[in-house]
Amino acid sequence: MEFEMERFISALFDRSPPHAVEHLQLVLIPLTTAFIIAFPTAVLLTRRRFIKYTDRVMTFFNMGQTIPPLAVIAIFFPFLGLGRTPALFALTIYALLPIARNTLAGLKGVPQDVKEAARGMGMSEWEMLFKVEIPLSMPVVMAGVKISVVLTSGTAALGALVGGGGMGAVIFAGIDFFRAELIIAGTLIIGVIAIVLDRLLTVIDNILTPPHMKT
């Protein structure tokens, strides 16, 4: 029995890169999907025609983060079953709020006098949005994306409980077999993934932020 256990643990260590790749996918796919949903939605909510829907939409996004991911998986289990799909779905819902909230805050924080100056130059509402509001709000928007990265990186470990893979499989194997090195290895790799993604987002933020707003 001890020999079989050692072989199993050795196999987990041998598969660390695949587990890390699986975990990276569990972070990047939901994060990208959440951004595609939350960013344009929040932008629309700052337009006059859609402001009245802000409270209802943000309530939905808030619910997505207050409900635990495993509960989301349980709710949609009859439709999605187990595995990577429900894990990705739950993590996407979990990542929506910080992006939407920061996008709203960033766009609403653009100084009114800057908007008036843009109108005075003859810009339309959409020109002002893409040439003035979004560029000026980008640091706040990217801060929301970074928050989602950190939250999703940690929460993605729970995907292993429903067959989603990732570094959670290593961590839970360490718990099952009382092997601290597995728990530490899995936790460290999750931390490294979060830090690397945060640094990459910082580079993207510096590229997208107008020069006069960089510190």
N, C-alpha and C. Protein backbone atom coordinates (compact mmCIF):
# COMPACT_ATOMS: atom_id res chain seq x y z
N MET A 1 0.84 -1.20 0.00
CA MET A 1 0.00 0.00 0.00
C MET A 1 0.87 1.25 0.00
N GLU A 2 1.90 1.23 0.82
CA GLU A 2 2.81 2.37 0.90
C GLU A 2 3.50 2.58 -0.45
N PHE A 3 3.86 1.47 -1.10
CA PHE A 3 4.52 1.56 -2.39
C PHE A 3 3.60 2.18 -3.44
N GLU A 4 2.33 1.79 -3.44
CA GLU A 4 1.36 2.33 -4.39
C GLU A 4 1.16 3.83 -4.13
N MET A 5 1.14 4.21 -2.87
CA MET A 5 0.96 5.62 -2.53
C MET A 5 2.13 6.44 -3.04
N GLU A 6 3.35 5.92 -2.85
CA GLU A 6 4.53 6.64 -3.31
C GLU A 6 4.52 6.78 -4.84
N ARG A 7 4.09 5.74 -5.52
CA ARG A 7 4.01 5.82 -6.98
C ARG A 7 3.00 6.87 -7.40
N PHE A 8 1.87 6.95 -6.69
CA PHE A 8 0.84 7.92 -7.02
C PHE A 8 1.35 9.34 -6.81
N ILE A 9 2.03 9.58 -5.70
CA ILE A 9 2.56 10.90 -5.41
C ILE A 9 3.63 11.28 -6.41
N SER A 10 4.48 10.30 -6.76
CA SER A 10 5.51 10.56 -7.76
C SER A 10 4.89 10.94 -9.09
N ALA A 11 3.79 10.28 -9.46
CA ALA A 11 3.11 10.58 -10.72
C ALA A 11 2.55 12.01 -10.70
N LEU A 12 2.07 12.42 -9.54
CA LEU A 12 1.55 13.79 -9.43
C LEU A 12 2.65 14.80 -9.67
N PHE A 13 3.82 14.56 -9.06
CA PHE A 13 4.95 15.48 -9.26
C PHE A 13 5.38 15.48 -10.73
N ASP A 14 5.37 14.29 -11.35
CA ASP A 14 5.77 14.21 -12.75
C ASP A 14 4.82 14.97 -13.64
N ARG A 15 3.55 15.07 -13.22
CA ARG A 15 2.55 15.76 -14.02
C ARG A 15 2.39 17.22 -13.62
N SER A 16 3.30 17.77 -12.85
CA SER A 16 3.16 19.15 -12.39
C SER A 16 2.99 20.14 -13.53
N PRO A 17 3.81 20.08 -14.60
CA PRO A 17 3.59 21.03 -15.70
C PRO A 17 2.19 20.93 -16.30
N PRO A 18 1.68 19.70 -16.63
CA PRO A 18 0.31 19.63 -17.14
C PRO A 18 -0.72 20.20 -16.16
N HIS A 19 -0.55 19.91 -14.87
CA HIS A 19 -1.46 20.47 -13.88
C HIS A 19 -1.37 21.99 -13.89
N ALA A 20 -0.17 22.53 -14.02
CA ALA A 20 0.01 23.98 -14.06
C ALA A 20 -0.66 24.56 -15.30
N VAL A 21 -0.51 23.87 -16.44
CA VAL A 21 -1.14 24.33 -17.68
C VAL A 21 -2.67 24.30 -17.54
N GLU A 22 -3.17 23.23 -16.95
CA GLU A 22 -4.62 23.14 -16.71
C GLU A 22 -5.09 24.28 -15.83
N HIS A 23 -4.31 24.60 -14.80
CA HIS A 23 -4.69 25.68 -13.89
C HIS A 23 -4.66 27.02 -14.61
N LEU A 24 -3.66 27.21 -15.45
CA LEU A 24 -3.57 28.45 -16.22
C LEU A 24 -4.79 28.60 -17.12
N GLN A 25 -5.22 27.51 -17.72
CA GLN A 25 -6.42 27.55 -18.55
C GLN A 25 -7.66 27.87 -17.71
N LEU A 26 -7.71 27.33 -16.50
CA LEU A 26 -8.84 27.59 -15.61
C LEU A 26 -8.90 29.06 -15.17
N VAL A 27 -7.79 29.76 -15.32
CA VAL A 27 -7.75 31.18 -14.99
C VAL A 27 -7.99 32.03 -16.23
N LEU A 28 -7.27 31.75 -17.31
CA LEU A 28 -7.31 32.61 -18.49
C LEU A 28 -8.64 32.53 -19.25
N ILE A 29 -9.19 31.34 -19.39
CA ILE A 29 -10.45 31.21 -20.14
C ILE A 29 -11.60 31.94 -19.44
N PRO A 30 -11.83 31.72 -18.14
CA PRO A 30 -12.88 32.49 -17.46
C PRO A 30 -12.61 33.99 -17.43
N LEU A 31 -11.33 34.36 -17.25
CA LEU A 31 -10.99 35.78 -17.19
C LEU A 31 -11.28 36.47 -18.52
N THR A 32 -10.88 35.83 -19.62
CA THR A 32 -11.13 36.40 -20.94
C THR A 32 -12.62 36.49 -21.23
N THR A 33 -13.34 35.42 -20.90
CA THR A 33 -14.79 35.41 -21.12
C THR A 33 -15.47 36.47 -20.27
N ALA A 34 -15.06 36.59 -19.01
CA ALA A 34 -15.65 37.59 -18.12
C ALA A 34 -15.39 39.01 -18.62
N PHE A 35 -14.19 39.25 -19.15
CA PHE A 35 -13.87 40.59 -19.68
C PHE A 35 -14.74 40.89 -20.90
N ILE A 36 -14.90 39.90 -21.78
CA ILE A 36 -15.72 40.09 -22.98
C ILE A 36 -17.17 40.43 -22.60
N ILE A 37 -17.64 39.87 -21.48
CA ILE A 37 -19.01 40.13 -21.03
C ILE A 37 -19.09 41.42 -20.22
N ALA A 38 -18.22 41.54 -19.21
CA ALA A 38 -18.37 42.62 -18.22
C ALA A 38 -17.97 43.99 -18.76
N PHE A 39 -16.88 44.07 -19.53
CA PHE A 39 -16.40 45.37 -19.98
C PHE A 39 -17.40 46.09 -20.88
N PRO A 40 -17.86 45.48 -21.99
CA PRO A 40 -18.84 46.19 -22.82
C PRO A 40 -20.16 46.44 -22.10
N THR A 41 -20.55 45.51 -21.21
CA THR A 41 -21.79 45.71 -20.45
C THR A 41 -21.67 46.95 -19.57
N ALA A 42 -20.55 47.08 -18.86
CA ALA A 42 -20.34 48.25 -18.00
C ALA A 42 -20.26 49.53 -18.81
N VAL A 43 -19.63 49.47 -19.98
CA VAL A 43 -19.56 50.65 -20.86
C VAL A 43 -20.97 51.09 -21.26
N LEU A 44 -21.80 50.13 -21.65
CA LEU A 44 -23.18 50.47 -22.03
C LEU A 44 -23.95 51.08 -20.87
N LEU A 45 -23.68 50.60 -19.66
CA LEU A 45 -24.40 51.10 -18.49
C LEU A 45 -24.04 52.54 -18.15
N THR A 46 -22.99 53.07 -18.75
CA THR A 46 -22.65 54.48 -18.53
C THR A 46 -23.27 55.39 -19.60
N ARG A 47 -23.93 54.79 -20.60
CA ARG A 47 -24.60 55.58 -21.63
C ARG A 47 -26.02 55.94 -21.16
N ARG A 48 -26.51 57.07 -21.59
CA ARG A 48 -27.79 57.59 -21.09
C ARG A 48 -28.94 56.59 -21.25
N ARG A 49 -28.97 55.88 -22.38
CA ARG A 49 -30.09 54.97 -22.65
C ARG A 49 -30.13 53.78 -21.70
N PHE A 50 -28.98 53.43 -21.13
CA PHE A 50 -28.91 52.19 -20.35
C PHE A 50 -28.64 52.41 -18.86
N ILE A 51 -28.48 53.66 -18.44
CA ILE A 51 -28.16 53.93 -17.02
C ILE A 51 -29.22 53.34 -16.09
N LYS A 52 -30.47 53.36 -16.52
CA LYS A 52 -31.56 52.88 -15.66
C LYS A 52 -31.44 51.39 -15.33
N TYR A 53 -30.65 50.65 -16.11
CA TYR A 53 -30.50 49.22 -15.86
C TYR A 53 -29.30 48.90 -14.97
N THR A 54 -28.57 49.91 -14.55
CA THR A 54 -27.31 49.69 -13.82
C THR A 54 -27.51 48.86 -12.56
N ASP A 55 -28.47 49.23 -11.73
CA ASP A 55 -28.68 48.53 -10.45
C ASP A 55 -29.00 47.06 -10.67
N ARG A 56 -29.86 46.77 -11.64
CA ARG A 56 -30.27 45.38 -11.87
C ARG A 56 -29.10 44.53 -12.39
N VAL A 57 -28.34 45.09 -13.31
CA VAL A 57 -27.21 44.34 -13.87
C VAL A 57 -26.13 44.12 -12.82
N MET A 58 -25.82 45.17 -12.05
CA MET A 58 -24.79 45.04 -11.03
C MET A 58 -25.23 44.10 -9.90
N THR A 59 -26.52 44.04 -9.64
CA THR A 59 -27.02 43.07 -8.66
C THR A 59 -26.74 41.65 -9.12
N PHE A 60 -26.93 41.40 -10.42
CA PHE A 60 -26.62 40.08 -10.98
C PHE A 60 -25.14 39.76 -10.83
N PHE A 61 -24.27 40.74 -11.17
CA PHE A 61 -22.84 40.52 -11.04
C PHE A 61 -22.45 40.29 -9.57
N ASN A 62 -23.08 41.03 -8.66
CA ASN A 62 -22.80 40.84 -7.23
C ASN A 62 -23.19 39.45 -6.77
N MET A 63 -24.33 38.97 -7.25
CA MET A 63 -24.77 37.61 -6.90
C MET A 63 -23.76 36.58 -7.37
N GLY A 64 -23.16 36.83 -8.53
CA GLY A 64 -22.19 35.89 -9.07
C GLY A 64 -20.99 35.69 -8.16
N GLN A 65 -20.65 36.73 -7.37
CA GLN A 65 -19.49 36.59 -6.49
C GLN A 65 -19.88 36.20 -5.07
N THR A 66 -21.13 36.47 -4.68
CA THR A 66 -21.54 36.08 -3.33
C THR A 66 -21.88 34.60 -3.26
N ILE A 67 -22.32 34.01 -4.39
CA ILE A 67 -22.61 32.57 -4.41
C ILE A 67 -21.31 31.81 -4.62
N PRO A 68 -20.96 30.88 -3.74
CA PRO A 68 -19.71 30.12 -3.91
C PRO A 68 -19.69 29.38 -5.25
N PRO A 69 -18.49 29.29 -5.88
CA PRO A 69 -18.40 28.59 -7.17
C PRO A 69 -18.94 27.17 -7.14
N LEU A 70 -18.70 26.46 -6.03
CA LEU A 70 -19.20 25.08 -5.95
C LEU A 70 -20.72 25.06 -5.94
N ALA A 71 -21.34 26.09 -5.36
CA ALA A 71 -22.80 26.17 -5.37
C ALA A 71 -23.32 26.43 -6.79
N VAL A 72 -22.59 27.25 -7.54
CA VAL A 72 -22.97 27.50 -8.94
C VAL A 72 -22.90 26.20 -9.73
N ILE A 73 -21.82 25.42 -9.50
CA ILE A 73 -21.68 24.14 -10.18
C ILE A 73 -22.84 23.21 -9.81
N ALA A 74 -23.23 23.22 -8.52
CA ALA A 74 -24.32 22.36 -8.07
C ALA A 74 -25.64 22.77 -8.73
N ILE A 75 -25.87 24.08 -8.86
CA ILE A 75 -27.11 24.58 -9.45
C ILE A 75 -27.22 24.16 -10.91
N PHE A 76 -26.09 24.24 -11.64
CA PHE A 76 -26.11 23.95 -13.07
C PHE A 76 -25.67 22.52 -13.40
N PHE A 77 -25.49 21.70 -12.35
CA PHE A 77 -25.06 20.32 -12.57
C PHE A 77 -26.00 19.54 -13.50
N PRO A 78 -27.33 19.70 -13.38
CA PRO A 78 -28.21 18.95 -14.29
C PRO A 78 -28.00 19.30 -15.76
N PHE A 79 -27.48 20.50 -16.04
CA PHE A 79 -27.31 20.93 -17.42
C PHE A 79 -25.87 20.74 -17.92
N LEU A 80 -24.89 20.94 -17.02
CA LEU A 80 -23.49 20.93 -17.43
C LEU A 80 -22.73 19.70 -16.98
N GLY A 81 -23.26 18.97 -16.00
CA GLY A 81 -22.57 17.80 -15.48
C GLY A 81 -21.32 18.19 -14.70
N LEU A 82 -20.32 17.30 -14.65
CA LEU A 82 -19.08 17.57 -13.96
C LEU A 82 -17.94 17.69 -14.97
N GLY A 83 -16.78 18.17 -14.49
CA GLY A 83 -15.62 18.31 -15.36
C GLY A 83 -15.22 19.76 -15.55
N ARG A 84 -14.50 20.04 -16.63
CA ARG A 84 -13.95 21.38 -16.87
C ARG A 84 -15.03 22.41 -17.21
N THR A 85 -16.06 22.00 -17.96
CA THR A 85 -17.07 22.96 -18.41
C THR A 85 -17.77 23.67 -17.25
N PRO A 86 -18.32 22.95 -16.26
CA PRO A 86 -18.95 23.66 -15.15
C PRO A 86 -17.96 24.47 -14.32
N ALA A 87 -16.71 23.98 -14.22
CA ALA A 87 -15.70 24.75 -13.49
C ALA A 87 -15.42 26.07 -14.19
N LEU A 88 -15.26 26.05 -15.50
CA LEU A 88 -15.03 27.27 -16.27
C LEU A 88 -16.23 28.20 -16.18
N PHE A 89 -17.42 27.64 -16.22
CA PHE A 89 -18.64 28.44 -16.13
C PHE A 89 -18.72 29.16 -14.79
N ALA A 90 -18.49 28.42 -13.70
CA ALA A 90 -18.56 29.01 -12.36
C ALA A 90 -17.49 30.09 -12.17
N LEU A 91 -16.29 29.84 -12.64
CA LEU A 91 -15.20 30.80 -12.49
C LEU A 91 -15.44 32.05 -13.32
N THR A 92 -16.08 31.90 -14.47
CA THR A 92 -16.43 33.07 -15.30
C THR A 92 -17.39 33.97 -14.55
N ILE A 93 -18.42 33.38 -13.98
CA ILE A 93 -19.39 34.17 -13.20
C ILE A 93 -18.70 34.86 -12.03
N TYR A 94 -17.76 34.15 -11.40
CA TYR A 94 -17.05 34.69 -10.24
C TYR A 94 -16.16 35.87 -10.61
N ALA A 95 -15.68 35.91 -11.86
CA ALA A 95 -14.74 36.95 -12.29
C ALA A 95 -15.41 38.20 -12.83
N LEU A 96 -16.72 38.20 -12.98
CA LEU A 96 -17.42 39.31 -13.62
C LEU A 96 -17.39 40.60 -12.81
N LEU A 97 -17.67 40.50 -11.51
CA LEU A 97 -17.91 41.69 -10.70
C LEU A 97 -16.76 42.69 -10.67
N PRO A 98 -15.53 42.29 -10.34
CA PRO A 98 -14.45 43.30 -10.27
C PRO A 98 -14.24 44.05 -11.58
N ILE A 99 -14.37 43.35 -12.70
CA ILE A 99 -14.17 44.00 -14.00
C ILE A 99 -15.29 45.00 -14.26
N ALA A 100 -16.53 44.58 -14.05
CA ALA A 100 -17.66 45.47 -14.30
C ALA A 100 -17.64 46.66 -13.35
N ARG A 101 -17.38 46.41 -12.07
CA ARG A 101 -17.40 47.49 -11.08
C ARG A 101 -16.30 48.51 -11.36
N ASN A 102 -15.11 48.05 -11.67
CA ASN A 102 -14.02 48.98 -11.94
C ASN A 102 -14.20 49.73 -13.25
N THR A 103 -14.79 49.07 -14.25
CA THR A 103 -15.07 49.76 -15.50
C THR A 103 -16.06 50.90 -15.28
N LEU A 104 -17.10 50.63 -14.51
CA LEU A 104 -18.06 51.68 -14.18
C LEU A 104 -17.39 52.82 -13.43
N ALA A 105 -16.59 52.47 -12.43
CA ALA A 105 -15.92 53.49 -11.62
C ALA A 105 -14.95 54.31 -12.47
N GLY A 106 -14.21 53.64 -13.34
CA GLY A 106 -13.24 54.34 -14.18
C GLY A 106 -13.90 55.32 -15.13
N LEU A 107 -14.99 54.88 -15.79
CA LEU A 107 -15.67 55.74 -16.76
C LEU A 107 -16.38 56.90 -16.06
N LYS A 108 -16.97 56.62 -14.89
CA LYS A 108 -17.64 57.69 -14.16
C LYS A 108 -16.64 58.67 -13.56
N GLY A 109 -15.40 58.24 -13.40
CA GLY A 109 -14.38 59.09 -12.81
C GLY A 109 -13.69 60.03 -13.78
N VAL A 110 -14.01 59.91 -15.06
CA VAL A 110 -13.42 60.84 -16.05
C VAL A 110 -13.95 62.24 -15.76
N PRO A 111 -13.09 63.24 -15.57
CA PRO A 111 -13.53 64.60 -15.22
C PRO A 111 -14.53 65.16 -16.24
N GLN A 112 -15.53 65.83 -15.72
CA GLN A 112 -16.56 66.40 -16.58
C GLN A 112 -16.01 67.47 -17.52
N ASP A 113 -15.03 68.24 -17.03
CA ASP A 113 -14.48 69.30 -17.88
C ASP A 113 -13.72 68.71 -19.08
N VAL A 114 -13.14 67.52 -18.91
CA VAL A 114 -12.48 66.85 -20.03
C VAL A 114 -13.53 66.44 -21.07
N LYS A 115 -14.67 65.94 -20.61
CA LYS A 115 -15.74 65.58 -21.54
C LYS A 115 -16.25 66.80 -22.28
N GLU A 116 -16.43 67.89 -21.54
CA GLU A 116 -16.92 69.11 -22.18
C GLU A 116 -15.94 69.62 -23.22
N ALA A 117 -14.65 69.51 -22.92
CA ALA A 117 -13.63 69.94 -23.89
C ALA A 117 -13.70 69.08 -25.14
N ALA A 118 -13.93 67.77 -24.96
CA ALA A 118 -14.04 66.87 -26.11
C ALA A 118 -15.26 67.22 -26.95
N ARG A 119 -16.37 67.53 -26.28
CA ARG A 119 -17.57 67.94 -27.04
C ARG A 119 -17.31 69.24 -27.78
N GLY A 120 -16.58 70.15 -27.13
CA GLY A 120 -16.26 71.42 -27.77
C GLY A 120 -15.41 71.26 -29.01
N MET A 121 -14.66 70.17 -29.07
CA MET A 121 -13.83 69.89 -30.25
C MET A 121 -14.63 69.22 -31.36
N GLY A 122 -15.91 68.98 -31.09
CA GLY A 122 -16.77 68.39 -32.12
C GLY A 122 -16.86 66.89 -32.10
N MET A 123 -16.39 66.25 -31.03
CA MET A 123 -16.45 64.79 -30.95
C MET A 123 -17.88 64.33 -30.69
N SER A 124 -18.26 63.23 -31.33
CA SER A 124 -19.54 62.60 -31.02
C SER A 124 -19.42 61.83 -29.71
N GLU A 125 -20.55 61.32 -29.22
CA GLU A 125 -20.54 60.57 -27.96
C GLU A 125 -19.65 59.33 -28.07
N TRP A 126 -19.72 58.62 -29.20
CA TRP A 126 -18.92 57.41 -29.37
C TRP A 126 -17.45 57.73 -29.57
N GLU A 127 -17.16 58.82 -30.29
CA GLU A 127 -15.76 59.24 -30.44
C GLU A 127 -15.17 59.61 -29.09
N MET A 128 -15.96 60.31 -28.28
CA MET A 128 -15.50 60.71 -26.96
C MET A 128 -15.26 59.47 -26.08
N LEU A 129 -16.11 58.47 -26.25
CA LEU A 129 -15.97 57.24 -25.47
C LEU A 129 -14.65 56.54 -25.79
N PHE A 130 -14.37 56.34 -27.08
CA PHE A 130 -13.21 55.55 -27.48
C PHE A 130 -11.90 56.34 -27.45
N LYS A 131 -11.97 57.65 -27.63
CA LYS A 131 -10.75 58.44 -27.69
C LYS A 131 -10.41 59.14 -26.38
N VAL A 132 -11.40 59.28 -25.50
CA VAL A 132 -11.17 60.02 -24.25
C VAL A 132 -11.48 59.17 -23.02
N GLU A 133 -12.74 58.72 -22.90
CA GLU A 133 -13.19 58.08 -21.67
C GLU A 133 -12.49 56.74 -21.40
N ILE A 134 -12.48 55.86 -22.39
CA ILE A 134 -11.86 54.55 -22.17
C ILE A 134 -10.36 54.66 -21.91
N PRO A 135 -9.60 55.44 -22.71
CA PRO A 135 -8.17 55.58 -22.41
C PRO A 135 -7.90 56.14 -21.01
N LEU A 136 -8.69 57.13 -20.59
CA LEU A 136 -8.46 57.73 -19.28
C LEU A 136 -8.87 56.80 -18.13
N SER A 137 -9.83 55.93 -18.39
CA SER A 137 -10.30 55.02 -17.33
C SER A 137 -9.53 53.71 -17.30
N MET A 138 -8.61 53.49 -18.25
CA MET A 138 -7.94 52.20 -18.38
C MET A 138 -7.19 51.76 -17.12
N PRO A 139 -6.48 52.64 -16.38
CA PRO A 139 -5.81 52.17 -15.15
C PRO A 139 -6.78 51.56 -14.14
N VAL A 140 -7.97 52.15 -14.00
CA VAL A 140 -8.96 51.63 -13.07
C VAL A 140 -9.53 50.31 -13.59
N VAL A 141 -9.78 50.24 -14.89
CA VAL A 141 -10.29 49.01 -15.49
C VAL A 141 -9.30 47.86 -15.29
N MET A 142 -8.02 48.13 -15.56
CA MET A 142 -7.01 47.08 -15.43
C MET A 142 -6.83 46.65 -13.98
N ALA A 143 -7.05 47.58 -13.05
CA ALA A 143 -7.00 47.20 -11.62
C ALA A 143 -8.09 46.17 -11.32
N GLY A 144 -9.27 46.33 -11.93
CA GLY A 144 -10.33 45.35 -11.76
C GLY A 144 -9.98 44.00 -12.36
N VAL A 145 -9.32 44.03 -13.51
CA VAL A 145 -8.89 42.78 -14.15
C VAL A 145 -7.88 42.06 -13.27
N LYS A 146 -6.96 42.82 -12.67
CA LYS A 146 -5.96 42.22 -11.78
C LYS A 146 -6.61 41.58 -10.56
N ILE A 147 -7.63 42.24 -10.02
CA ILE A 147 -8.36 41.66 -8.88
C ILE A 147 -9.00 40.34 -9.29
N SER A 148 -9.59 40.31 -10.48
CA SER A 148 -10.21 39.08 -10.97
C SER A 148 -9.18 37.97 -11.17
N VAL A 149 -7.97 38.34 -11.60
CA VAL A 149 -6.91 37.35 -11.78
C VAL A 149 -6.56 36.69 -10.45
N VAL A 150 -6.39 37.50 -9.43
CA VAL A 150 -6.03 36.97 -8.11
C VAL A 150 -7.14 36.08 -7.57
N LEU A 151 -8.39 36.56 -7.65
CA LEU A 151 -9.52 35.78 -7.15
C LEU A 151 -9.68 34.47 -7.90
N THR A 152 -9.59 34.54 -9.22
CA THR A 152 -9.79 33.35 -10.04
C THR A 152 -8.65 32.34 -9.86
N SER A 153 -7.42 32.84 -9.71
CA SER A 153 -6.27 31.94 -9.53
C SER A 153 -6.45 31.07 -8.30
N GLY A 154 -6.88 31.68 -7.21
CA GLY A 154 -7.07 30.93 -5.98
C GLY A 154 -8.29 30.03 -6.03
N THR A 155 -9.39 30.57 -6.54
CA THR A 155 -10.64 29.82 -6.56
C THR A 155 -10.59 28.66 -7.54
N ALA A 156 -9.76 28.78 -8.59
CA ALA A 156 -9.67 27.71 -9.59
C ALA A 156 -9.22 26.39 -9.00
N ALA A 157 -8.57 26.43 -7.83
CA ALA A 157 -8.15 25.18 -7.18
C ALA A 157 -9.35 24.30 -6.85
N LEU A 158 -10.51 24.93 -6.63
CA LEU A 158 -11.71 24.15 -6.31
C LEU A 158 -12.22 23.37 -7.51
N GLY A 159 -11.76 23.73 -8.70
CA GLY A 159 -12.19 23.01 -9.89
C GLY A 159 -11.84 21.53 -9.85
N ALA A 160 -10.79 21.20 -9.11
CA ALA A 160 -10.37 19.79 -9.01
C ALA A 160 -11.44 18.94 -8.32
N LEU A 161 -12.26 19.55 -7.48
CA LEU A 161 -13.29 18.80 -6.76
C LEU A 161 -14.38 18.28 -7.69
N VAL A 162 -14.51 18.90 -8.86
CA VAL A 162 -15.55 18.47 -9.81
C VAL A 162 -14.93 17.93 -11.09
N GLY A 163 -13.65 17.56 -11.02
CA GLY A 163 -12.99 16.98 -12.18
C GLY A 163 -12.47 18.00 -13.16
N GLY A 164 -12.27 19.25 -12.70
CA GLY A 164 -11.80 20.29 -13.59
C GLY A 164 -10.29 20.33 -13.75
N GLY A 165 -9.55 19.57 -12.95
CA GLY A 165 -8.10 19.54 -13.04
C GLY A 165 -7.46 20.76 -12.39
N GLY A 166 -6.24 21.07 -12.80
CA GLY A 166 -5.53 22.20 -12.23
C GLY A 166 -4.71 21.81 -11.01
N MET A 167 -4.08 22.81 -10.41
CA MET A 167 -3.23 22.55 -9.25
C MET A 167 -4.01 22.13 -8.03
N GLY A 168 -5.31 22.34 -8.05
CA GLY A 168 -6.13 21.85 -6.94
C GLY A 168 -6.03 20.35 -6.78
N ALA A 169 -5.82 19.61 -7.89
CA ALA A 169 -5.67 18.15 -7.81
C ALA A 169 -4.46 17.78 -6.99
N VAL A 170 -3.38 18.55 -7.12
CA VAL A 170 -2.16 18.30 -6.34
C VAL A 170 -2.39 18.63 -4.87
N ILE A 171 -3.05 19.77 -4.62
CA ILE A 171 -3.30 20.19 -3.24
C ILE A 171 -4.19 19.19 -2.51
N PHE A 172 -5.27 18.76 -3.15
CA PHE A 172 -6.19 17.83 -2.49
C PHE A 172 -5.58 16.45 -2.34
N ALA A 173 -4.68 16.07 -3.25
CA ALA A 173 -3.95 14.81 -3.07
C ALA A 173 -3.06 14.91 -1.84
N GLY A 174 -2.45 16.06 -1.64
CA GLY A 174 -1.62 16.27 -0.45
C GLY A 174 -2.43 16.19 0.83
N ILE A 175 -3.65 16.72 0.78
CA ILE A 175 -4.53 16.63 1.96
C ILE A 175 -4.93 15.18 2.22
N ASP A 176 -5.29 14.46 1.15
CA ASP A 176 -5.74 13.06 1.29
C ASP A 176 -4.63 12.18 1.86
N PHE A 177 -3.38 12.40 1.40
CA PHE A 177 -2.28 11.53 1.80
C PHE A 177 -1.40 12.13 2.89
N PHE A 178 -1.86 13.29 3.44
CA PHE A 178 -1.10 13.95 4.52
C PHE A 178 0.33 14.25 4.09
N ARG A 179 0.48 14.76 2.86
CA ARG A 179 1.81 15.09 2.34
C ARG A 179 1.90 16.61 2.16
N ALA A 180 2.61 17.25 3.07
CA ALA A 180 2.71 18.70 3.07
C ALA A 180 3.40 19.22 1.81
N GLU A 181 4.35 18.42 1.27
CA GLU A 181 5.08 18.91 0.09
C GLU A 181 4.17 19.10 -1.11
N LEU A 182 3.12 18.25 -1.24
CA LEU A 182 2.18 18.41 -2.33
C LEU A 182 1.35 19.69 -2.15
N ILE A 183 0.92 19.92 -0.92
CA ILE A 183 0.12 21.12 -0.63
C ILE A 183 0.95 22.38 -0.89
N ILE A 184 2.20 22.35 -0.41
CA ILE A 184 3.07 23.53 -0.60
C ILE A 184 3.37 23.75 -2.08
N ALA A 185 3.69 22.65 -2.80
CA ALA A 185 4.01 22.78 -4.22
C ALA A 185 2.83 23.34 -5.00
N GLY A 186 1.64 22.80 -4.75
CA GLY A 186 0.45 23.29 -5.45
C GLY A 186 0.16 24.74 -5.14
N THR A 187 0.29 25.11 -3.86
CA THR A 187 0.02 26.49 -3.45
C THR A 187 1.02 27.46 -4.06
N LEU A 188 2.30 27.07 -4.07
CA LEU A 188 3.34 27.94 -4.63
C LEU A 188 3.14 28.16 -6.13
N ILE A 189 2.78 27.10 -6.84
CA ILE A 189 2.58 27.24 -8.28
C ILE A 189 1.38 28.14 -8.58
N ILE A 190 0.32 28.01 -7.79
CA ILE A 190 -0.83 28.90 -7.95
C ILE A 190 -0.41 30.35 -7.71
N GLY A 191 0.41 30.57 -6.68
CA GLY A 191 0.90 31.92 -6.40
C GLY A 191 1.75 32.46 -7.53
N VAL A 192 2.61 31.62 -8.09
CA VAL A 192 3.47 32.05 -9.20
C VAL A 192 2.62 32.42 -10.41
N ILE A 193 1.60 31.61 -10.71
CA ILE A 193 0.70 31.91 -11.84
C ILE A 193 0.04 33.27 -11.64
N ALA A 194 -0.46 33.53 -10.42
CA ALA A 194 -1.12 34.81 -10.15
C ALA A 194 -0.15 35.98 -10.30
N ILE A 195 1.07 35.82 -9.80
CA ILE A 195 2.06 36.91 -9.88
C ILE A 195 2.47 37.17 -11.33
N VAL A 196 2.71 36.11 -12.10
CA VAL A 196 3.12 36.28 -13.50
C VAL A 196 2.02 36.97 -14.30
N LEU A 197 0.78 36.54 -14.11
CA LEU A 197 -0.33 37.17 -14.83
C LEU A 197 -0.50 38.63 -14.41
N ASP A 198 -0.31 38.90 -13.13
CA ASP A 198 -0.40 40.29 -12.65
C ASP A 198 0.66 41.16 -13.31
N ARG A 199 1.88 40.63 -13.43
CA ARG A 199 2.96 41.40 -14.07
C ARG A 199 2.66 41.63 -15.55
N LEU A 200 2.13 40.62 -16.21
CA LEU A 200 1.78 40.77 -17.63
C LEU A 200 0.69 41.82 -17.81
N LEU A 201 -0.28 41.82 -16.92
CA LEU A 201 -1.35 42.81 -16.99
C LEU A 201 -0.82 44.21 -16.71
N THR A 202 0.20 44.31 -15.86
CA THR A 202 0.82 45.61 -15.60
C THR A 202 1.49 46.14 -16.86
N VAL A 203 2.15 45.26 -17.60
CA VAL A 203 2.77 45.67 -18.87
C VAL A 203 1.70 46.15 -19.85
N ILE A 204 0.60 45.39 -19.95
CA ILE A 204 -0.49 45.79 -20.84
C ILE A 204 -1.08 47.13 -20.39
N ASP A 205 -1.23 47.29 -19.09
CA ASP A 205 -1.75 48.54 -18.53
C ASP A 205 -0.86 49.72 -18.92
N ASN A 206 0.45 49.54 -18.83
CA ASN A 206 1.38 50.62 -19.19
C ASN A 206 1.31 50.97 -20.68
N ILE A 207 1.04 49.96 -21.50
CA ILE A 207 0.92 50.21 -22.93
C ILE A 207 -0.36 50.98 -23.26
N LEU A 208 -1.46 50.62 -22.58
CA LEU A 208 -2.76 51.21 -22.89
C LEU A 208 -2.99 52.55 -22.22
N THR A 209 -2.29 52.82 -21.11
CA THR A 209 -2.51 54.06 -20.37
C THR A 209 -1.86 55.24 -21.10
N PRO A 210 -2.58 56.35 -21.26
CA PRO A 210 -2.00 57.54 -21.90
C PRO A 210 -0.73 57.98 -21.19
N PRO A 211 0.27 58.45 -21.93
CA PRO A 211 1.57 58.79 -21.33
C PRO A 211 1.49 59.77 -20.17
N HIS A 212 0.59 60.76 -20.26
CA HIS A 212 0.54 61.78 -19.20
C HIS A 212 -0.04 61.25 -17.90
N MET A 213 -0.63 60.04 -17.94
CA MET A 213 -1.22 59.45 -16.73
C MET A 213 -0.29 58.46 -16.06
N LYS A 214 0.86 58.17 -16.68
CA LYS A 214 1.80 57.22 -16.10
C LYS A 214 2.61 57.89 -15.02
N THR A 215 2.83 57.14 -13.92
CA THR A 215 3.61 57.70 -12.81
C THR A 215 5.08 57.37 -12.98
